[in-house]
């Protein structure tokens, strides 16, 4: 039969190795597919806000948008703006109204958020050429809310630079008459057949880059923390426990030789 002390030391010696084996195991919290959150904040004092998610599975990009404060019953042109060649664009603010006419138009804002990369239409083409296809853009409901979801096939450049892109929605009601008209801010600098109210940006949001734990069902869900953070905490805790267990084993081993040396000294004295 194995002595109790020897058995205890054997078990303790094996404990750190087992714990360290768990510590280096692959993290199990990674989102599949990865999703990136966007918080939409108002432009042009529109009061429009929202949340969006971008989810990639291969070259299939799914876009969810939930926004409010839009012009009720009016179409909302919306796009992924930015760059896939390394340029860093960000959302503008109302102070970027360079001509001082009281409205941040799309030309002024494009300097900051970049050209259209993908047009977020409800049907048909999604290239930059569909940027003003207001007949295929989502329409806000009677409460000024927009709900959008579409899966789009994108190029590898978008896949590799998804964090460099961001969402902009367009459409404001400057004269508060419940529609887009030429009286509110004149003609659009993009297309004189459209009122400026229809093309001016109403909100903007950059990709946060934080992986979201689940894909929303029936609405946009927000994530709290990343998979890497959770896994890092787990590994740190386990590694700490392993270190403590290892120190305990060392202490135990030191006591055993000390006791043996004391016994040897006693026998020597008795023999003398």
C-alpha atoms as a PDB file:
ATOM      1  CA  UNK A   1       0.000   0.000   0.000  1.00  0.00           C
ATOM      2  CA  UNK A   2       1.277   3.490  -0.889  1.00  0.00           C
ATOM      3  CA  UNK A   3       2.079   5.580   2.209  1.00  0.00           C
ATOM      4  CA  UNK A   4      -0.397   8.448   2.732  1.00  0.00           C
ATOM      5  CA  UNK A   5       2.306  11.123   2.496  1.00  0.00           C
ATOM      6  CA  UNK A   6       3.742   9.686  -0.733  1.00  0.00           C
ATOM      7  CA  UNK A   7       0.260   9.437  -2.243  1.00  0.00           C
ATOM      8  CA  UNK A   8      -0.511  13.043  -1.323  1.00  0.00           C
ATOM      9  CA  UNK A   9       2.733  14.317  -2.838  1.00  0.00           C
ATOM     10  CA  UNK A  10       2.137  12.358  -6.030  1.00  0.00           C
ATOM     11  CA  UNK A  11      -1.365  13.855  -6.410  1.00  0.00           C
ATOM     12  CA  UNK A  12      -0.159  17.387  -5.708  1.00  0.00           C
ATOM     13  CA  UNK A  13       2.735  17.063  -8.139  1.00  0.00           C
ATOM     14  CA  UNK A  14       0.339  16.045 -10.912  1.00  0.00           C
ATOM     15  CA  UNK A  15      -2.109  18.899 -10.205  1.00  0.00           C
ATOM     16  CA  UNK A  16      -0.204  21.846 -11.804  1.00  0.00           C
ATOM     17  CA  UNK A  17       0.430  19.976 -15.038  1.00  0.00           C
ATOM     18  CA  UNK A  18      -3.254  19.117 -15.375  1.00  0.00           C
ATOM     19  CA  UNK A  19      -4.290  22.689 -14.727  1.00  0.00           C
ATOM     20  CA  UNK A  20      -1.796  24.082 -17.205  1.00  0.00           C
ATOM     21  CA  UNK A  21      -3.074  21.659 -19.834  1.00  0.00           C
ATOM     22  CA  UNK A  22      -6.553  23.188 -19.423  1.00  0.00           C
ATOM     23  CA  UNK A  23      -5.110  26.712 -19.458  1.00  0.00           C
ATOM     24  CA  UNK A  24      -3.748  26.432 -22.991  1.00  0.00           C
ATOM     25  CA  UNK A  25      -6.899  24.842 -24.417  1.00  0.00           C
ATOM     26  CA  UNK A  26      -8.500  26.838 -27.287  1.00  0.00           C
ATOM     27  CA  UNK A  27     -11.045  29.481 -26.196  1.00  0.00           C
ATOM     28  CA  UNK A  28     -14.647  28.336 -26.493  1.00  0.00           C
ATOM     29  CA  UNK A  29     -16.379  31.720 -26.490  1.00  0.00           C
ATOM     30  CA  UNK A  30     -15.567  32.953 -30.015  1.00  0.00           C
ATOM     31  CA  UNK A  31     -18.595  34.096 -32.028  1.00  0.00           C
ATOM     32  CA  UNK A  32     -19.374  32.084 -35.151  1.00  0.00           C
ATOM     33  CA  UNK A  33     -19.758  33.832 -37.462  1.00  0.00           C
ATOM     34  CA  UNK A  34     -18.033  36.963 -36.108  1.00  0.00           C
ATOM     35  CA  UNK A  35     -20.282  40.021 -35.823  1.00  0.00           C
ATOM     36  CA  UNK A  36     -19.373  43.674 -35.438  1.00  0.00           C
ATOM     37  CA  UNK A  37     -21.505  46.277 -33.723  1.00  0.00           C
ATOM     38  CA  UNK A  38     -22.191  49.822 -34.899  1.00  0.00           C
ATOM     39  CA  UNK A  39     -23.865  52.533 -32.841  1.00  0.00           C
ATOM     40  CA  UNK A  40     -25.513  55.151 -35.052  1.00  0.00           C
ATOM     41  CA  UNK A  41     -25.441  58.732 -33.730  1.00  0.00           C
ATOM     42  CA  UNK A  42     -27.252  61.753 -35.126  1.00  0.00           C
ATOM     43  CA  UNK A  43     -26.027  64.247 -37.685  1.00  0.00           C
ATOM     44  CA  UNK A  44     -27.725  67.503 -38.741  1.00  0.00           C
ATOM     45  CA  UNK A  45     -29.452  67.677 -35.348  1.00  0.00           C
ATOM     46  CA  UNK A  46     -31.834  65.028 -36.671  1.00  0.00           C
ATOM     47  CA  UNK A  47     -32.418  63.149 -33.418  1.00  0.00           C
ATOM     48  CA  UNK A  48     -31.864  59.900 -35.322  1.00  0.00           C
ATOM     49  CA  UNK A  49     -30.062  57.059 -33.555  1.00  0.00           C
ATOM     50  CA  UNK A  50     -29.783  53.316 -34.003  1.00  0.00           C
ATOM     51  CA  UNK A  51     -27.786  50.122 -33.774  1.00  0.00           C
ATOM     52  CA  UNK A  52     -26.463  47.863 -36.511  1.00  0.00           C
ATOM     53  CA  UNK A  53     -24.596  44.586 -36.808  1.00  0.00           C
ATOM     54  CA  UNK A  54     -22.369  43.302 -39.595  1.00  0.00           C
ATOM     55  CA  UNK A  55     -21.879  39.536 -39.720  1.00  0.00           C
ATOM     56  CA  UNK A  56     -19.547  37.704 -42.099  1.00  0.00           C
ATOM     57  CA  UNK A  57     -19.673  34.071 -43.150  1.00  0.00           C
ATOM     58  CA  UNK A  58     -17.128  33.662 -45.893  1.00  0.00           C
ATOM     59  CA  UNK A  59     -17.989  36.307 -48.481  1.00  0.00           C
ATOM     60  CA  UNK A  60     -21.607  36.583 -47.344  1.00  0.00           C
ATOM     61  CA  UNK A  61     -22.162  39.809 -45.401  1.00  0.00           C
ATOM     62  CA  UNK A  62     -25.388  40.110 -43.407  1.00  0.00           C
ATOM     63  CA  UNK A  63     -26.381  43.619 -42.346  1.00  0.00           C
ATOM     64  CA  UNK A  64     -28.953  44.342 -39.627  1.00  0.00           C
ATOM     65  CA  UNK A  65     -30.076  47.913 -38.887  1.00  0.00           C
ATOM     66  CA  UNK A  66     -32.575  49.193 -36.333  1.00  0.00           C
ATOM     67  CA  UNK A  67     -32.897  52.977 -36.272  1.00  0.00           C
ATOM     68  CA  UNK A  68     -35.381  55.588 -35.116  1.00  0.00           C
ATOM     69  CA  UNK A  69     -35.902  59.316 -35.467  1.00  0.00           C
ATOM     70  CA  UNK A  70     -36.106  59.028 -39.263  1.00  0.00           C
ATOM     71  CA  UNK A  71     -38.644  60.981 -41.353  1.00  0.00           C
ATOM     72  CA  UNK A  72     -41.911  58.963 -41.110  1.00  0.00           C
ATOM     73  CA  UNK A  73     -43.100  57.478 -44.390  1.00  0.00           C
ATOM     74  CA  UNK A  74     -39.979  58.583 -46.270  1.00  0.00           C
ATOM     75  CA  UNK A  75     -37.239  56.422 -47.819  1.00  0.00           C
ATOM     76  CA  UNK A  76     -33.858  56.330 -46.117  1.00  0.00           C
ATOM     77  CA  UNK A  77     -30.846  56.041 -48.417  1.00  0.00           C
ATOM     78  CA  UNK A  78     -28.197  54.078 -46.511  1.00  0.00           C
ATOM     79  CA  UNK A  79     -24.728  52.829 -47.293  1.00  0.00           C
ATOM     80  CA  UNK A  80     -21.515  51.323 -46.068  1.00  0.00           C
ATOM     81  CA  UNK A  81     -18.978  54.102 -46.522  1.00  0.00           C
ATOM     82  CA  UNK A  82     -15.219  53.986 -46.084  1.00  0.00           C
ATOM     83  CA  UNK A  83     -12.204  52.390 -47.676  1.00  0.00           C
ATOM     84  CA  UNK A  84     -10.813  48.933 -48.336  1.00  0.00           C
ATOM     85  CA  UNK A  85      -7.337  50.172 -49.240  1.00  0.00           C
ATOM     86  CA  UNK A  86      -6.065  51.296 -45.852  1.00  0.00           C
ATOM     87  CA  UNK A  87      -7.456  54.832 -45.599  1.00  0.00           C
ATOM     88  CA  UNK A  88      -8.912  55.778 -42.221  1.00  0.00           C
ATOM     89  CA  UNK A  89     -12.275  57.542 -42.438  1.00  0.00           C
ATOM     90  CA  UNK A  90     -14.481  58.539 -39.510  1.00  0.00           C
ATOM     91  CA  UNK A  91     -17.912  60.042 -38.904  1.00  0.00           C
ATOM     92  CA  UNK A  92     -18.133  63.842 -39.266  1.00  0.00           C
ATOM     93  CA  UNK A  93     -20.000  66.196 -36.952  1.00  0.00           C
ATOM     94  CA  UNK A  94     -22.211  69.206 -37.566  1.00  0.00           C
ATOM     95  CA  UNK A  95     -19.179  71.495 -37.247  1.00  0.00           C
ATOM     96  CA  UNK A  96     -17.986  70.182 -40.624  1.00  0.00           C
ATOM     97  CA  UNK A  97     -20.577  72.334 -42.432  1.00  0.00           C
ATOM     98  CA  UNK A  98     -17.830  74.162 -44.331  1.00  0.00           C
ATOM     99  CA  UNK A  99     -20.053  76.438 -46.423  1.00  0.00           C
ATOM    100  CA  UNK A 100     -21.962  77.593 -43.357  1.00  0.00           C
ATOM    101  CA  UNK A 101     -25.448  77.099 -44.817  1.00  0.00           C
ATOM    102  CA  UNK A 102     -26.687  75.373 -41.668  1.00  0.00           C
ATOM    103  CA  UNK A 103     -26.807  71.847 -43.080  1.00  0.00           C
ATOM    104  CA  UNK A 104     -24.072  69.223 -43.356  1.00  0.00           C
ATOM    105  CA  UNK A 105     -24.539  68.014 -46.917  1.00  0.00           C
ATOM    106  CA  UNK A 106     -23.217  64.750 -48.283  1.00  0.00           C
ATOM    107  CA  UNK A 107     -20.322  66.356 -50.149  1.00  0.00           C
ATOM    108  CA  UNK A 108     -19.032  68.000 -46.979  1.00  0.00           C
ATOM    109  CA  UNK A 109     -19.485  64.781 -45.013  1.00  0.00           C
ATOM    110  CA  UNK A 110     -17.856  62.503 -47.598  1.00  0.00           C
ATOM    111  CA  UNK A 111     -14.485  64.125 -46.863  1.00  0.00           C
ATOM    112  CA  UNK A 112     -14.762  62.451 -43.440  1.00  0.00           C
ATOM    113  CA  UNK A 113     -16.666  59.200 -43.978  1.00  0.00           C
ATOM    114  CA  UNK A 114     -15.461  58.356 -47.477  1.00  0.00           C
ATOM    115  CA  UNK A 115     -17.223  57.304 -50.653  1.00  0.00           C
ATOM    116  CA  UNK A 116     -19.981  54.735 -50.880  1.00  0.00           C
ATOM    117  CA  UNK A 117     -18.660  51.180 -50.831  1.00  0.00           C
ATOM    118  CA  UNK A 118     -21.941  49.276 -50.630  1.00  0.00           C
ATOM    119  CA  UNK A 119     -25.481  50.584 -51.141  1.00  0.00           C
ATOM    120  CA  UNK A 120     -27.770  48.986 -48.567  1.00  0.00           C
ATOM    121  CA  UNK A 121     -30.811  48.589 -50.790  1.00  0.00           C
ATOM    122  CA  UNK A 122     -33.664  46.200 -50.076  1.00  0.00           C
ATOM    123  CA  UNK A 123     -33.458  44.597 -53.517  1.00  0.00           C
ATOM    124  CA  UNK A 124     -31.426  44.746 -56.700  1.00  0.00           C
ATOM    125  CA  UNK A 125     -27.889  46.074 -57.010  1.00  0.00           C
ATOM    126  CA  UNK A 126     -25.795  47.105 -54.026  1.00  0.00           C
ATOM    127  CA  UNK A 127     -22.913  48.822 -55.814  1.00  0.00           C
ATOM    128  CA  UNK A 128     -22.065  52.505 -55.423  1.00  0.00           C
ATOM    129  CA  UNK A 129     -24.167  53.252 -58.509  1.00  0.00           C
ATOM    130  CA  UNK A 130     -27.277  52.354 -56.501  1.00  0.00           C
ATOM    131  CA  UNK A 131     -26.480  54.977 -53.880  1.00  0.00           C
ATOM    132  CA  UNK A 132     -29.405  57.204 -54.858  1.00  0.00           C
ATOM    133  CA  UNK A 133     -31.852  54.399 -55.703  1.00  0.00           C
ATOM    134  CA  UNK A 134     -34.345  55.726 -53.157  1.00  0.00           C
ATOM    135  CA  UNK A 135     -37.094  53.551 -54.637  1.00  0.00           C
ATOM    136  CA  UNK A 136     -35.172  50.483 -53.385  1.00  0.00           C
ATOM    137  CA  UNK A 137     -34.206  51.855 -49.980  1.00  0.00           C
ATOM    138  CA  UNK A 138     -36.112  51.074 -46.758  1.00  0.00           C
ATOM    139  CA  UNK A 139     -38.984  53.378 -45.798  1.00  0.00           C
ATOM    140  CA  UNK A 140     -39.466  54.584 -42.228  1.00  0.00           C
ATOM    141  CA  UNK A 141     -42.724  53.578 -40.575  1.00  0.00           C
ATOM    142  CA  UNK A 142     -45.242  55.987 -39.054  1.00  0.00           C
ATOM    143  CA  UNK A 143     -43.104  56.258 -35.906  1.00  0.00           C
ATOM    144  CA  UNK A 144     -39.965  57.094 -37.878  1.00  0.00           C
ATOM    145  CA  UNK A 145     -38.378  53.673 -37.347  1.00  0.00           C
ATOM    146  CA  UNK A 146     -36.388  51.684 -39.900  1.00  0.00           C
ATOM    147  CA  UNK A 147     -35.814  47.933 -39.674  1.00  0.00           C
ATOM    148  CA  UNK A 148     -33.481  46.396 -42.230  1.00  0.00           C
ATOM    149  CA  UNK A 149     -31.822  43.053 -42.881  1.00  0.00           C
ATOM    150  CA  UNK A 150     -30.101  41.799 -45.998  1.00  0.00           C
ATOM    151  CA  UNK A 151     -27.334  39.336 -46.883  1.00  0.00           C
ATOM    152  CA  UNK A 152     -24.986  40.510 -49.643  1.00  0.00           C
ATOM    153  CA  UNK A 153     -22.118  38.777 -51.429  1.00  0.00           C
ATOM    154  CA  UNK A 154     -19.018  40.967 -51.087  1.00  0.00           C
ATOM    155  CA  UNK A 155     -15.465  40.915 -52.390  1.00  0.00           C
ATOM    156  CA  UNK A 156     -12.467  39.720 -50.425  1.00  0.00           C
ATOM    157  CA  UNK A 157     -11.353  43.327 -49.940  1.00  0.00           C
ATOM    158  CA  UNK A 158     -14.507  44.013 -47.913  1.00  0.00           C
ATOM    159  CA  UNK A 159     -13.969  40.848 -45.868  1.00  0.00           C
ATOM    160  CA  UNK A 160     -10.419  41.891 -45.014  1.00  0.00           C
ATOM    161  CA  UNK A 161     -11.288  45.529 -44.258  1.00  0.00           C
ATOM    162  CA  UNK A 162     -14.751  45.237 -42.713  1.00  0.00           C
ATOM    163  CA  UNK A 163     -13.584  47.182 -39.638  1.00  0.00           C
ATOM    164  CA  UNK A 164     -12.637  50.116 -41.871  1.00  0.00           C
ATOM    165  CA  UNK A 165     -16.218  50.558 -43.092  1.00  0.00           C
ATOM    166  CA  UNK A 166     -19.160  52.254 -41.402  1.00  0.00           C
ATOM    167  CA  UNK A 167     -22.858  52.910 -41.917  1.00  0.00           C
ATOM    168  CA  UNK A 168     -24.471  56.209 -42.878  1.00  0.00           C
ATOM    169  CA  UNK A 169     -28.220  56.773 -43.220  1.00  0.00           C
ATOM    170  CA  UNK A 170     -29.587  59.782 -45.077  1.00  0.00           C
ATOM    171  CA  UNK A 171     -32.734  61.906 -44.939  1.00  0.00           C
ATOM    172  CA  UNK A 172     -33.652  64.892 -42.744  1.00  0.00           C
ATOM    173  CA  UNK A 173     -36.698  67.113 -42.344  1.00  0.00           C
ATOM    174  CA  UNK A 174     -35.319  70.626 -41.905  1.00  0.00           C
ATOM    175  CA  UNK A 175     -38.676  72.442 -41.990  1.00  0.00           C
ATOM    176  CA  UNK A 176     -40.562  69.820 -39.939  1.00  0.00           C
ATOM    177  CA  UNK A 177     -43.353  69.289 -42.440  1.00  0.00           C
ATOM    178  CA  UNK A 178     -43.080  65.487 -42.418  1.00  0.00           C
ATOM    179  CA  UNK A 179     -41.616  65.027 -45.892  1.00  0.00           C
ATOM    180  CA  UNK A 180     -38.603  65.713 -48.091  1.00  0.00           C
ATOM    181  CA  UNK A 181     -39.086  68.913 -50.070  1.00  0.00           C
ATOM    182  CA  UNK A 182     -37.089  71.660 -51.750  1.00  0.00           C
ATOM    183  CA  UNK A 183     -38.268  74.309 -49.282  1.00  0.00           C
ATOM    184  CA  UNK A 184     -36.360  72.764 -46.398  1.00  0.00           C
ATOM    185  CA  UNK A 185     -32.799  73.010 -47.789  1.00  0.00           C
ATOM    186  CA  UNK A 186     -33.041  73.433 -51.557  1.00  0.00           C
ATOM    187  CA  UNK A 187     -31.744  71.018 -54.188  1.00  0.00           C
ATOM    188  CA  UNK A 188     -29.358  68.162 -53.509  1.00  0.00           C
ATOM    189  CA  UNK A 189     -25.805  68.828 -54.672  1.00  0.00           C
ATOM    190  CA  UNK A 190     -25.725  65.171 -55.755  1.00  0.00           C
ATOM    191  CA  UNK A 191     -28.823  65.261 -57.952  1.00  0.00           C
ATOM    192  CA  UNK A 192     -30.793  68.490 -58.555  1.00  0.00           C
ATOM    193  CA  UNK A 193     -33.907  66.408 -59.116  1.00  0.00           C
ATOM    194  CA  UNK A 194     -33.798  65.436 -55.430  1.00  0.00           C
ATOM    195  CA  UNK A 195     -34.238  67.744 -52.455  1.00  0.00           C
ATOM    196  CA  UNK A 196     -31.234  68.260 -50.185  1.00  0.00           C
ATOM    197  CA  UNK A 197     -33.306  66.837 -47.340  1.00  0.00           C
ATOM    198  CA  UNK A 198     -33.364  63.440 -49.076  1.00  0.00           C
ATOM    199  CA  UNK A 199     -29.581  63.072 -49.375  1.00  0.00           C
ATOM    200  CA  UNK A 200     -28.176  64.871 -46.312  1.00  0.00           C
ATOM    201  CA  UNK A 201     -26.830  62.429 -43.690  1.00  0.00           C
ATOM    202  CA  UNK A 202     -29.050  61.834 -40.682  1.00  0.00           C
ATOM    203  CA  UNK A 203     -26.779  59.514 -38.674  1.00  0.00           C
ATOM    204  CA  UNK A 204     -23.432  57.732 -38.838  1.00  0.00           C
ATOM    205  CA  UNK A 205     -21.626  54.989 -36.956  1.00  0.00           C
ATOM    206  CA  UNK A 206     -18.218  53.317 -37.187  1.00  0.00           C
ATOM    207  CA  UNK A 207     -17.576  49.605 -36.749  1.00  0.00           C
ATOM    208  CA  UNK A 208     -16.579  48.926 -33.161  1.00  0.00           C
ATOM    209  CA  UNK A 209     -14.792  45.688 -33.993  1.00  0.00           C
ATOM    210  CA  UNK A 210     -15.997  43.913 -30.857  1.00  0.00           C
ATOM    211  CA  UNK A 211     -17.162  40.349 -31.515  1.00  0.00           C
ATOM    212  CA  UNK A 212     -20.777  39.864 -30.514  1.00  0.00           C
ATOM    213  CA  UNK A 213     -21.725  36.590 -28.870  1.00  0.00           C
ATOM    214  CA  UNK A 214     -24.892  35.910 -30.869  1.00  0.00           C
ATOM    215  CA  UNK A 215     -26.635  36.962 -34.033  1.00  0.00           C
ATOM    216  CA  UNK A 216     -29.846  38.913 -33.304  1.00  0.00           C
ATOM    217  CA  UNK A 217     -33.223  37.305 -33.869  1.00  0.00           C
ATOM    218  CA  UNK A 218     -36.111  39.687 -34.389  1.00  0.00           C
ATOM    219  CA  UNK A 219     -34.011  42.741 -33.584  1.00  0.00           C
ATOM    220  CA  UNK A 220     -30.513  44.019 -33.021  1.00  0.00           C
ATOM    221  CA  UNK A 221     -28.843  42.770 -29.866  1.00  0.00           C
ATOM    222  CA  UNK A 222     -25.786  44.347 -28.355  1.00  0.00           C
ATOM    223  CA  UNK A 223     -22.835  42.431 -26.950  1.00  0.00           C
ATOM    224  CA  UNK A 224     -21.093  42.934 -23.640  1.00  0.00           C
ATOM    225  CA  UNK A 225     -17.383  42.181 -23.825  1.00  0.00           C
ATOM    226  CA  UNK A 226     -15.375  40.079 -26.213  1.00  0.00           C
ATOM    227  CA  UNK A 227     -14.578  36.405 -26.479  1.00  0.00           C
ATOM    228  CA  UNK A 228     -10.879  37.108 -26.025  1.00  0.00           C
ATOM    229  CA  UNK A 229     -11.473  38.947 -22.749  1.00  0.00           C
ATOM    230  CA  UNK A 230     -13.465  36.037 -21.305  1.00  0.00           C
ATOM    231  CA  UNK A 231     -10.905  33.461 -22.364  1.00  0.00           C
ATOM    232  CA  UNK A 232      -8.035  35.571 -21.035  1.00  0.00           C
ATOM    233  CA  UNK A 233      -9.685  35.767 -17.614  1.00  0.00           C
ATOM    234  CA  UNK A 234     -10.220  32.022 -17.548  1.00  0.00           C
ATOM    235  CA  UNK A 235      -6.608  31.274 -18.493  1.00  0.00           C
ATOM    236  CA  UNK A 236      -5.272  33.772 -15.940  1.00  0.00           C
ATOM    237  CA  UNK A 237      -7.339  32.217 -13.162  1.00  0.00           C
ATOM    238  CA  UNK A 238      -6.292  28.686 -14.005  1.00  0.00           C
ATOM    239  CA  UNK A 239      -2.636  29.628 -14.369  1.00  0.00           C
ATOM    240  CA  UNK A 240      -2.786  31.332 -10.974  1.00  0.00           C
ATOM    241  CA  UNK A 241      -4.252  28.212  -9.381  1.00  0.00           C
ATOM    242  CA  UNK A 242      -1.571  26.073 -11.009  1.00  0.00           C
ATOM    243  CA  UNK A 243       1.184  28.329  -9.673  1.00  0.00           C
ATOM    244  CA  UNK A 244      -0.240  28.166  -6.149  1.00  0.00           C
ATOM    245  CA  UNK A 245      -0.495  24.384  -6.326  1.00  0.00           C
ATOM    246  CA  UNK A 246       3.099  24.160  -7.566  1.00  0.00           C
ATOM    247  CA  UNK A 247       4.333  26.256  -4.633  1.00  0.00           C
ATOM    248  CA  UNK A 248       2.472  23.974  -2.242  1.00  0.00           C
ATOM    249  CA  UNK A 249       4.218  20.928  -3.715  1.00  0.00           C
ATOM    250  CA  UNK A 250       7.647  22.582  -3.337  1.00  0.00           C
ATOM    251  CA  UNK A 251       6.913  23.421   0.274  1.00  0.00           C
ATOM    252  CA  UNK A 252       5.840  19.848   0.989  1.00  0.00           C
ATOM    253  CA  UNK A 253       8.974  18.445  -0.658  1.00  0.00           C
ATOM    254  CA  UNK A 254      11.207  20.725   1.407  1.00  0.00           C
ATOM    255  CA  UNK A 255       9.661  19.498   4.635  1.00  0.00           C
ATOM    256  CA  UNK A 256      10.287  15.829   3.830  1.00  0.00           C
ATOM    257  CA  UNK A 257      14.128  16.053   3.506  1.00  0.00           C
ATOM    258  CA  UNK A 258      14.243  18.196   6.613  1.00  0.00           C
ATOM    259  CA  UNK A 259      12.425  15.520   8.628  1.00  0.00           C
ATOM    260  CA  UNK A 260      14.710  12.815   7.222  1.00  0.00           C
ATOM    261  CA  UNK A 261      17.830  14.802   8.185  1.00  0.00           C
ATOM    262  CA  UNK A 262      16.538  15.218  11.727  1.00  0.00           C
ATOM    263  CA  UNK A 263      16.016  11.467  12.035  1.00  0.00           C
ATOM    264  CA  UNK A 264      19.557  10.781  10.797  1.00  0.00           C
ATOM    265  CA  UNK A 265      21.026  13.197  13.349  1.00  0.00           C
ATOM    266  CA  UNK A 266      19.092  11.495  16.169  1.00  0.00           C
ATOM    267  CA  UNK A 267      20.402   8.032  15.152  1.00  0.00           C
ATOM    268  CA  UNK A 268      23.966   9.325  15.077  1.00  0.00           C
ATOM    269  CA  UNK A 269      23.643  10.693  18.598  1.00  0.00           C
ATOM    270  CA  UNK A 270      22.217   7.403  19.898  1.00  0.00           C
ATOM    271  CA  UNK A 271      25.064   5.427  18.332  1.00  0.00           C
ATOM    272  CA  UNK A 272      27.620   7.740  20.006  1.00  0.00           C
END
